[in-house]
Amino acid sequence: YELGDGSKASQDGVLKQISPQHDGEAIEGKFAFIADDGKEYVVAYVADENGYQPVGDHLPTPPPVPESVLKTLKYLEEHPYHPEADKKKRN
């Protein structure tokens, strides 16, 4: 739809199988509006099993993950912490 103030929106959705036991929806759409500064802002989005994921030139983006954090996450993935199993090994 489009309104007289310049706002617009469109959306499409589909049913999809998330897992053998679960069905869900996946929605794709976008909306636009004219802000107080006179500029048009557009947001495109997907909403599915991964949540709502908006994209727009005006939206903030997170800073990149520091290399040290990526290395730590990789190490933890490769060396999971299992305190009970580690305790049994020591005894």
PDB file of N, CA and C in Angstrom:
ATOM      1  N   TYR A   1       0.824  -1.169   0.000  1.00  0.00           N
ATOM      2  CA  TYR A   1       0.000   0.000   0.000  1.00  0.00           C
ATOM      3  C   TYR A   1       0.877   1.244   0.000  1.00  0.00           C
ATOM      4  N   GLU A   2       0.272   2.353  -0.333  1.00  0.00           N
ATOM      5  CA  GLU A   2       0.956   3.641  -0.289  1.00  0.00           C
ATOM      6  C   GLU A   2      -0.038   4.675   0.234  1.00  0.00           C
ATOM      7  N   LEU A   3       0.430   5.478   1.177  1.00  0.00           N
ATOM      8  CA  LEU A   3      -0.428   6.493   1.783  1.00  0.00           C
ATOM      9  C   LEU A   3      -0.102   7.873   1.231  1.00  0.00           C
ATOM     10  N   GLY A   4      -0.983   8.807   1.462  1.00  0.00           N
ATOM     11  CA  GLY A   4      -0.814  10.165   0.970  1.00  0.00           C
ATOM     12  C   GLY A   4       0.397  10.892   1.531  1.00  0.00           C
ATOM     13  N   ASP A   5       0.902  10.452   2.685  1.00  0.00           N
ATOM     14  CA  ASP A   5       2.073  11.116   3.270  1.00  0.00           C
ATOM     15  C   ASP A   5       3.398  10.566   2.743  1.00  0.00           C
ATOM     16  N   GLY A   6       3.332   9.644   1.759  1.00  0.00           N
ATOM     17  CA  GLY A   6       4.543   9.075   1.173  1.00  0.00           C
ATOM     18  C   GLY A   6       4.965   7.759   1.787  1.00  0.00           C
ATOM     19  N   SER A   7       4.276   7.312   2.825  1.00  0.00           N
ATOM     20  CA  SER A   7       4.587   6.017   3.433  1.00  0.00           C
ATOM     21  C   SER A   7       4.176   4.898   2.486  1.00  0.00           C
ATOM     22  N   LYS A   8       5.008   3.863   2.427  1.00  0.00           N
ATOM     23  CA  LYS A   8       4.726   2.713   1.558  1.00  0.00           C
ATOM     24  C   LYS A   8       5.079   1.444   2.312  1.00  0.00           C
ATOM     25  N   ALA A   9       4.425   0.353   1.978  1.00  0.00           N
ATOM     26  CA  ALA A   9       4.757  -0.934   2.570  1.00  0.00           C
ATOM     27  C   ALA A   9       4.342  -2.046   1.623  1.00  0.00           C
ATOM     28  N   SER A  10       5.140  -3.102   1.633  1.00  0.00           N
ATOM     29  CA  SER A  10       4.784  -4.319   0.905  1.00  0.00           C
ATOM     30  C   SER A  10       5.342  -5.502   1.689  1.00  0.00           C
ATOM     31  N   GLN A  11       4.662  -6.640   1.550  1.00  0.00           N
ATOM     32  CA  GLN A  11       5.071  -7.805   2.323  1.00  0.00           C
ATOM     33  C   GLN A  11       4.576  -9.061   1.632  1.00  0.00           C
ATOM     34  N   ASP A  12       5.410 -10.094   1.629  1.00  0.00           N
ATOM     35  CA  ASP A  12       5.044 -11.407   1.113  1.00  0.00           C
ATOM     36  C   ASP A  12       5.432 -12.438   2.155  1.00  0.00           C
ATOM     37  N   GLY A  13       4.653 -13.481   2.256  1.00  0.00           N
ATOM     38  CA  GLY A  13       4.960 -14.530   3.207  1.00  0.00           C
ATOM     39  C   GLY A  13       4.739 -15.892   2.608  1.00  0.00           C
ATOM     40  N   VAL A  14       5.474 -16.853   3.125  1.00  0.00           N
ATOM     41  CA  VAL A  14       5.328 -18.241   2.698  1.00  0.00           C
ATOM     42  C   VAL A  14       5.381 -19.138   3.923  1.00  0.00           C
ATOM     43  N   LEU A  15       4.697 -20.260   3.854  1.00  0.00           N
ATOM     44  CA  LEU A  15       4.844 -21.288   4.871  1.00  0.00           C
ATOM     45  C   LEU A  15       6.061 -22.112   4.512  1.00  0.00           C
ATOM     46  N   LYS A  16       6.816 -22.486   5.519  1.00  0.00           N
ATOM     47  CA  LYS A  16       7.997 -23.307   5.241  1.00  0.00           C
ATOM     48  C   LYS A  16       8.193 -24.302   6.364  1.00  0.00           C
ATOM     49  N   GLN A  17       8.866 -25.377   6.039  1.00  0.00           N
ATOM     50  CA  GLN A  17       9.141 -26.404   7.040  1.00  0.00           C
ATOM     51  C   GLN A  17      10.454 -26.048   7.729  1.00  0.00           C
ATOM     52  N   ILE A  18      10.398 -25.817   9.031  1.00  0.00           N
ATOM     53  CA  ILE A  18      11.571 -25.466   9.822  1.00  0.00           C
ATOM     54  C   ILE A  18      12.340 -26.730  10.195  1.00  0.00           C
ATOM     55  N   SER A  19      11.612 -27.758  10.573  1.00  0.00           N
ATOM     56  CA  SER A  19      12.178 -29.067  10.906  1.00  0.00           C
ATOM     57  C   SER A  19      11.107 -30.100  10.569  1.00  0.00           C
ATOM     58  N   PRO A  20      11.443 -31.376  10.654  1.00  0.00           N
ATOM     59  CA  PRO A  20      10.415 -32.378  10.333  1.00  0.00           C
ATOM     60  C   PRO A  20       9.146 -32.237  11.180  1.00  0.00           C
ATOM     61  N   GLN A  21       9.260 -31.715  12.395  1.00  0.00           N
ATOM     62  CA  GLN A  21       8.094 -31.595  13.276  1.00  0.00           C
ATOM     63  C   GLN A  21       7.484 -30.193  13.289  1.00  0.00           C
ATOM     64  N   HIS A  22       8.137 -29.213  12.698  1.00  0.00           N
ATOM     65  CA  HIS A  22       7.659 -27.828  12.835  1.00  0.00           C
ATOM     66  C   HIS A  22       7.561 -27.113  11.492  1.00  0.00           C
ATOM     67  N   ASP A  23       6.407 -26.511  11.300  1.00  0.00           N
ATOM     68  CA  ASP A  23       6.221 -25.618  10.165  1.00  0.00           C
ATOM     69  C   ASP A  23       6.298 -24.191  10.689  1.00  0.00           C
ATOM     70  N   GLY A  24       6.600 -23.265   9.814  1.00  0.00           N
ATOM     71  CA  GLY A  24       6.664 -21.874  10.218  1.00  0.00           C
ATOM     72  C   GLY A  24       6.401 -20.966   9.037  1.00  0.00           C
ATOM     73  N   GLU A  25       6.589 -19.701   9.252  1.00  0.00           N
ATOM     74  CA  GLU A  25       6.391 -18.707   8.205  1.00  0.00           C
ATOM     75  C   GLU A  25       7.703 -17.981   7.948  1.00  0.00           C
ATOM     76  N   ALA A  26       7.862 -17.540   6.734  1.00  0.00           N
ATOM     77  CA  ALA A  26       8.957 -16.653   6.376  1.00  0.00           C
ATOM     78  C   ALA A  26       8.334 -15.454   5.679  1.00  0.00           C
ATOM     79  N   ILE A  27       8.625 -14.284   6.185  1.00  0.00           N
ATOM     80  CA  ILE A  27       8.053 -13.051   5.658  1.00  0.00           C
ATOM     81  C   ILE A  27       9.182 -12.190   5.107  1.00  0.00           C
ATOM     82  N   GLU A  28       8.980 -11.655   3.926  1.00  0.00           N
ATOM     83  CA  GLU A  28       9.893 -10.670   3.349  1.00  0.00           C
ATOM     84  C   GLU A  28       9.075  -9.438   3.021  1.00  0.00           C
ATOM     85  N   GLY A  29       9.632  -8.301   3.309  1.00  0.00           N
ATOM     86  CA  GLY A  29       8.903  -7.084   3.012  1.00  0.00           C
ATOM     87  C   GLY A  29       9.781  -5.862   3.083  1.00  0.00           C
ATOM     88  N   LYS A  30       9.164  -4.734   2.868  1.00  0.00           N
ATOM     89  CA  LYS A  30       9.868  -3.473   3.048  1.00  0.00           C
ATOM     90  C   LYS A  30       8.845  -2.381   3.277  1.00  0.00           C
ATOM     91  N   PHE A  31       9.314  -1.344   3.950  1.00  0.00           N
ATOM     92  CA  PHE A  31       8.472  -0.177   4.143  1.00  0.00           C
ATOM     93  C   PHE A  31       9.339   1.063   4.014  1.00  0.00           C
ATOM     94  N   ALA A  32       8.704   2.148   3.680  1.00  0.00           N
ATOM     95  CA  ALA A  32       9.398   3.420   3.493  1.00  0.00           C
ATOM     96  C   ALA A  32       8.541   4.523   4.085  1.00  0.00           C
ATOM     97  N   PHE A  33       9.214   5.558   4.545  1.00  0.00           N
ATOM     98  CA  PHE A  33       8.495   6.704   5.099  1.00  0.00           C
ATOM     99  C   PHE A  33       9.330   7.961   4.898  1.00  0.00           C
ATOM    100  N   ILE A  34       8.658   9.080   4.897  1.00  0.00           N
ATOM    101  CA  ILE A  34       9.319  10.373   4.813  1.00  0.00           C
ATOM    102  C   ILE A  34       9.470  10.887   6.249  1.00  0.00           C
ATOM    103  N   ALA A  35      10.700  11.127   6.658  1.00  0.00           N
ATOM    104  CA  ALA A  35      10.968  11.580   8.025  1.00  0.00           C
ATOM    105  C   ALA A  35      10.838  13.096   8.128  1.00  0.00           C
ATOM    106  N   ASP A  36      10.972  13.601   9.346  1.00  0.00           N
ATOM    107  CA  ASP A  36      10.879  15.041   9.583  1.00  0.00           C
ATOM    108  C   ASP A  36      11.947  15.832   8.841  1.00  0.00           C
ATOM    109  N   ASP A  37      13.059  15.171   8.503  1.00  0.00           N
ATOM    110  CA  ASP A  37      14.119  15.864   7.768  1.00  0.00           C
ATOM    111  C   ASP A  37      13.849  15.915   6.262  1.00  0.00           C
ATOM    112  N   GLY A  38      12.700  15.366   5.837  1.00  0.00           N
ATOM    113  CA  GLY A  38      12.314  15.393   4.427  1.00  0.00           C
ATOM    114  C   GLY A  38      12.874  14.260   3.596  1.00  0.00           C
ATOM    115  N   LYS A  39      13.702  13.409   4.189  1.00  0.00           N
ATOM    116  CA  LYS A  39      14.305  12.284   3.462  1.00  0.00           C
ATOM    117  C   LYS A  39      13.407  11.051   3.558  1.00  0.00           C
ATOM    118  N   GLU A  40      13.479  10.244   2.495  1.00  0.00           N
ATOM    119  CA  GLU A  40      12.778   8.962   2.520  1.00  0.00           C
ATOM    120  C   GLU A  40      13.714   7.909   3.110  1.00  0.00           C
ATOM    121  N   TYR A  41      13.209   7.159   4.059  1.00  0.00           N
ATOM    122  CA  TYR A  41      13.962   6.068   4.674  1.00  0.00           C
ATOM    123  C   TYR A  41      13.277   4.759   4.321  1.00  0.00           C
ATOM    124  N   VAL A  42      14.075   3.792   3.894  1.00  0.00           N
ATOM    125  CA  VAL A  42      13.557   2.492   3.458  1.00  0.00           C
ATOM    126  C   VAL A  42      14.151   1.404   4.342  1.00  0.00           C
ATOM    127  N   VAL A  43      13.303   0.511   4.789  1.00  0.00           N
ATOM    128  CA  VAL A  43      13.740  -0.646   5.567  1.00  0.00           C
ATOM    129  C   VAL A  43      13.228  -1.896   4.860  1.00  0.00           C
ATOM    130  N   ALA A  44      14.137  -2.769   4.480  1.00  0.00           N
ATOM    131  CA  ALA A  44      13.782  -4.091   3.954  1.00  0.00           C
ATOM    132  C   ALA A  44      13.993  -5.082   5.098  1.00  0.00           C
ATOM    133  N   TYR A  45      13.214  -6.139   5.125  1.00  0.00           N
ATOM    134  CA  TYR A  45      13.353  -7.079   6.240  1.00  0.00           C
ATOM    135  C   TYR A  45      12.966  -8.488   5.831  1.00  0.00           C
ATOM    136  N   VAL A  46      13.470  -9.412   6.622  1.00  0.00           N
ATOM    137  CA  VAL A  46      13.076 -10.811   6.588  1.00  0.00           C
ATOM    138  C   VAL A  46      12.697 -11.149   8.024  1.00  0.00           C
ATOM    139  N   ALA A  47      11.625 -11.870   8.195  1.00  0.00           N
ATOM    140  CA  ALA A  47      11.227 -12.360   9.509  1.00  0.00           C
ATOM    141  C   ALA A  47      10.955 -13.851   9.350  1.00  0.00           C
ATOM    142  N   ASP A  48      11.774 -14.660   9.999  1.00  0.00           N
ATOM    143  CA  ASP A  48      11.636 -16.107   9.885  1.00  0.00           C
ATOM    144  C   ASP A  48      12.103 -16.761  11.178  1.00  0.00           C
ATOM    145  N   GLU A  49      12.492 -18.020  11.104  1.00  0.00           N
ATOM    146  CA  GLU A  49      12.921 -18.736  12.309  1.00  0.00           C
ATOM    147  C   GLU A  49      14.157 -18.113  12.960  1.00  0.00           C
ATOM    148  N   ASN A  50      14.833 -17.225  12.239  1.00  0.00           N
ATOM    149  CA  ASN A  50      16.001 -16.536  12.784  1.00  0.00           C
ATOM    150  C   ASN A  50      15.662 -15.169  13.359  1.00  0.00           C
ATOM    151  N   GLY A  51      14.385 -14.830  13.404  1.00  0.00           N
ATOM    152  CA  GLY A  51      13.960 -13.560  13.971  1.00  0.00           C
ATOM    153  C   GLY A  51      13.749 -12.493  12.908  1.00  0.00           C
ATOM    154  N   TYR A  52      13.547 -11.293  13.389  1.00  0.00           N
ATOM    155  CA  TYR A  52      13.331 -10.126  12.518  1.00  0.00           C
ATOM    156  C   TYR A  52      14.693  -9.549  12.164  1.00  0.00           C
ATOM    157  N   GLN A  53      14.951  -9.408  10.859  1.00  0.00           N
ATOM    158  CA  GLN A  53      16.261  -8.960  10.387  1.00  0.00           C
ATOM    159  C   GLN A  53      16.087  -7.776   9.443  1.00  0.00           C
ATOM    160  N   PRO A  54      16.080  -6.566  10.001  1.00  0.00           N
ATOM    161  CA  PRO A  54      15.916  -5.379   9.159  1.00  0.00           C
ATOM    162  C   PRO A  54      17.228  -4.937   8.533  1.00  0.00           C
ATOM    163  N   VAL A  55      17.129  -4.317   7.365  1.00  0.00           N
ATOM    164  CA  VAL A  55      18.287  -3.759   6.672  1.00  0.00           C
ATOM    165  C   VAL A  55      17.886  -2.397   6.124  1.00  0.00           C
ATOM    166  N   GLY A  56      18.731  -1.417   6.355  1.00  0.00           N
ATOM    167  CA  GLY A  56      18.477  -0.077   5.832  1.00  0.00           C
ATOM    168  C   GLY A  56      19.737   0.757   5.943  1.00  0.00           C
ATOM    169  N   ASP A  57      19.972   1.614   4.977  1.00  0.00           N
ATOM    170  CA  ASP A  57      21.185   2.432   4.981  1.00  0.00           C
ATOM    171  C   ASP A  57      21.296   3.295   6.235  1.00  0.00           C
ATOM    172  N   HIS A  58      20.187   3.667   6.820  1.00  0.00           N
ATOM    173  CA  HIS A  58      20.179   4.547   7.987  1.00  0.00           C
ATOM    174  C   HIS A  58      20.273   3.799   9.315  1.00  0.00           C
ATOM    175  N   LEU A  59      20.161   2.469   9.292  1.00  0.00           N
ATOM    176  CA  LEU A  59      20.187   1.692  10.531  1.00  0.00           C
ATOM    177  C   LEU A  59      21.629   1.474  10.987  1.00  0.00           C
ATOM    178  N   PRO A  60      21.857   1.539  12.288  1.00  0.00           N
ATOM    179  CA  PRO A  60      23.221   1.294  12.781  1.00  0.00           C
ATOM    180  C   PRO A  60      23.602  -0.164  12.581  1.00  0.00           C
ATOM    181  N   THR A  61      24.870  -0.408  12.400  1.00  0.00           N
ATOM    182  CA  THR A  61      25.376  -1.768  12.276  1.00  0.00           C
ATOM    183  C   THR A  61      26.382  -1.994  13.397  1.00  0.00           C
ATOM    184  N   PRO A  62      26.460  -3.204  13.904  1.00  0.00           N
ATOM    185  CA  PRO A  62      27.399  -3.468  14.997  1.00  0.00           C
ATOM    186  C   PRO A  62      28.839  -3.404  14.487  1.00  0.00           C
ATOM    187  N   PRO A  63      29.755  -3.066  15.374  1.00  0.00           N
ATOM    188  CA  PRO A  63      31.163  -3.061  14.961  1.00  0.00           C
ATOM    189  C   PRO A  63      31.620  -4.493  14.710  1.00  0.00           C
ATOM    190  N   PRO A  64      32.697  -4.681  13.962  1.00  0.00           N
ATOM    191  CA  PRO A  64      33.182  -6.044  13.727  1.00  0.00           C
ATOM    192  C   PRO A  64      33.638  -6.685  15.050  1.00  0.00           C
ATOM    193  N   VAL A  65      33.521  -8.005  15.117  1.00  0.00           N
ATOM    194  CA  VAL A  65      33.952  -8.740  16.306  1.00  0.00           C
ATOM    195  C   VAL A  65      35.480  -8.756  16.338  1.00  0.00           C
ATOM    196  N   PRO A  66      36.078  -8.381  17.467  1.00  0.00           N
ATOM    197  CA  PRO A  66      37.543  -8.386  17.548  1.00  0.00           C
ATOM    198  C   PRO A  66      38.120  -9.774  17.305  1.00  0.00           C
ATOM    199  N   GLU A  67      39.283  -9.804  16.697  1.00  0.00           N
ATOM    200  CA  GLU A  67      39.955 -11.067  16.369  1.00  0.00           C
ATOM    201  C   GLU A  67      40.159 -11.925  17.614  1.00  0.00           C
ATOM    202  N   SER A  68      40.510 -11.306  18.739  1.00  0.00           N
ATOM    203  CA  SER A  68      40.730 -12.069  19.974  1.00  0.00           C
ATOM    204  C   SER A  68      39.462 -12.788  20.421  1.00  0.00           C
ATOM    205  N   VAL A  69      38.319 -12.161  20.238  1.00  0.00           N
ATOM    206  CA  VAL A  69      37.053 -12.790  20.614  1.00  0.00           C
ATOM    207  C   VAL A  69      36.745 -13.951  19.670  1.00  0.00           C
ATOM    208  N   LEU A  70      36.991 -13.768  18.380  1.00  0.00           N
ATOM    209  CA  LEU A  70      36.772 -14.857  17.421  1.00  0.00           C
ATOM    210  C   LEU A  70      37.649 -16.059  17.752  1.00  0.00           C
ATOM    211  N   LYS A  71      38.907 -15.809  18.104  1.00  0.00           N
ATOM    212  CA  LYS A  71      39.819 -16.907  18.464  1.00  0.00           C
ATOM    213  C   LYS A  71      39.339 -17.609  19.730  1.00  0.00           C
ATOM    214  N   THR A  72      38.883 -16.839  20.703  1.00  0.00           N
ATOM    215  CA  THR A  72      38.388 -17.433  21.943  1.00  0.00           C
ATOM    216  C   THR A  72      37.163 -18.299  21.677  1.00  0.00           C
ATOM    217  N   LEU A  73      36.225 -17.795  20.876  1.00  0.00           N
ATOM    218  CA  LEU A  73      35.034 -18.581  20.547  1.00  0.00           C
ATOM    219  C   LEU A  73      35.392 -19.867  19.821  1.00  0.00           C
ATOM    220  N   LYS A  74      36.353 -19.795  18.918  1.00  0.00           N
ATOM    221  CA  LYS A  74      36.783 -20.998  18.200  1.00  0.00           C
ATOM    222  C   LYS A  74      37.406 -21.998  19.167  1.00  0.00           C
ATOM    223  N   TYR A  75      38.258 -21.509  20.072  1.00  0.00           N
ATOM    224  CA  TYR A  75      38.876 -22.389  21.051  1.00  0.00           C
ATOM    225  C   TYR A  75      37.817 -23.073  21.916  1.00  0.00           C
ATOM    226  N   LEU A  76      36.846 -22.303  22.393  1.00  0.00           N
ATOM    227  CA  LEU A  76      35.799 -22.862  23.235  1.00  0.00           C
ATOM    228  C   LEU A  76      34.951 -23.884  22.487  1.00  0.00           C
ATOM    229  N   GLU A  77      34.748 -23.650  21.210  1.00  0.00           N
ATOM    230  CA  GLU A  77      33.991 -24.618  20.403  1.00  0.00           C
ATOM    231  C   GLU A  77      34.778 -25.918  20.253  1.00  0.00           C
ATOM    232  N   GLU A  78      36.088 -25.797  20.076  1.00  0.00           N
ATOM    233  CA  GLU A  78      36.937 -26.975  19.887  1.00  0.00           C
ATOM    234  C   GLU A  78      37.269 -27.683  21.203  1.00  0.00           C
ATOM    235  N   HIS A  79      37.167 -26.972  22.321  1.00  0.00           N
ATOM    236  CA  HIS A  79      37.501 -27.515  23.637  1.00  0.00           C
ATOM    237  C   HIS A  79      36.359 -27.218  24.611  1.00  0.00           C
ATOM    238  N   PRO A  80      35.222 -27.893  24.460  1.00  0.00           N
ATOM    239  CA  PRO A  80      34.077 -27.594  25.334  1.00  0.00           C
ATOM    240  C   PRO A  80      34.395 -27.911  26.789  1.00  0.00           C
ATOM    241  N   TYR A  81      33.779 -27.158  27.666  1.00  0.00           N
ATOM    242  CA  TYR A  81      33.972 -27.296  29.097  1.00  0.00           C
ATOM    243  C   TYR A  81      32.979 -28.311  29.648  1.00  0.00           C
ATOM    244  N   HIS A  82      33.491 -29.383  30.213  1.00  0.00           N
ATOM    245  CA  HIS A  82      32.664 -30.437  30.811  1.00  0.00           C
ATOM    246  C   HIS A  82      33.225 -30.732  32.200  1.00  0.00           C
ATOM    247  N   PRO A  83      32.836 -29.967  33.210  1.00  0.00           N
ATOM    248  CA  PRO A  83      33.451 -30.120  34.531  1.00  0.00           C
ATOM    249  C   PRO A  83      33.278 -31.506  35.136  1.00  0.00           C
ATOM    250  N   GLU A  84      32.137 -32.140  34.942  1.00  0.00           N
ATOM    251  CA  GLU A  84      31.929 -33.476  35.524  1.00  0.00           C
ATOM    252  C   GLU A  84      32.857 -34.493  34.862  1.00  0.00           C
ATOM    253  N   ALA A  85      33.001 -34.443  33.566  1.00  0.00           N
ATOM    254  CA  ALA A  85      33.895 -35.380  32.859  1.00  0.00           C
ATOM    255  C   ALA A  85      35.338 -35.127  33.250  1.00  0.00           C
ATOM    256  N   ASP A  86      35.721 -33.858  33.392  1.00  0.00           N
ATOM    257  CA  ASP A  86      37.087 -33.525  33.790  1.00  0.00           C
ATOM    258  C   ASP A  86      37.363 -34.005  35.207  1.00  0.00           C
ATOM    259  N   LYS A  87      36.366 -33.930  36.087  1.00  0.00           N
ATOM    260  CA  LYS A  87      36.517 -34.384  37.480  1.00  0.00           C
ATOM    261  C   LYS A  87      36.744 -35.889  37.523  1.00  0.00           C
ATOM    262  N   LYS A  88      36.013 -36.627  36.686  1.00  0.00           N
ATOM    263  CA  LYS A  88      36.166 -38.087  36.643  1.00  0.00           C
ATOM    264  C   LYS A  88      37.550 -38.489  36.133  1.00  0.00           C
ATOM    265  N   LYS A  89      38.087 -37.715  35.189  1.00  0.00           N
ATOM    266  CA  LYS A  89      39.417 -38.028  34.650  1.00  0.00           C
ATOM    267  C   LYS A  89      40.486 -37.872  35.724  1.00  0.00           C
ATOM    268  N   ARG A  90      40.301 -36.889  36.613  1.00  0.00           N
ATOM    269  CA  ARG A  90      41.301 -36.625  37.657  1.00  0.00           C
ATOM    270  C   ARG A  90      41.250 -37.669  38.754  1.00  0.00           C
ATOM    271  N   ASN A  91      40.113 -38.322  38.938  1.00  0.00           N
ATOM    272  CA  ASN A  91      39.984 -39.309  40.035  1.00  0.00           C
ATOM    273  C   ASN A  91      40.405 -40.667  39.620  1.00  0.00           C
TER     274      ASN A  91
END
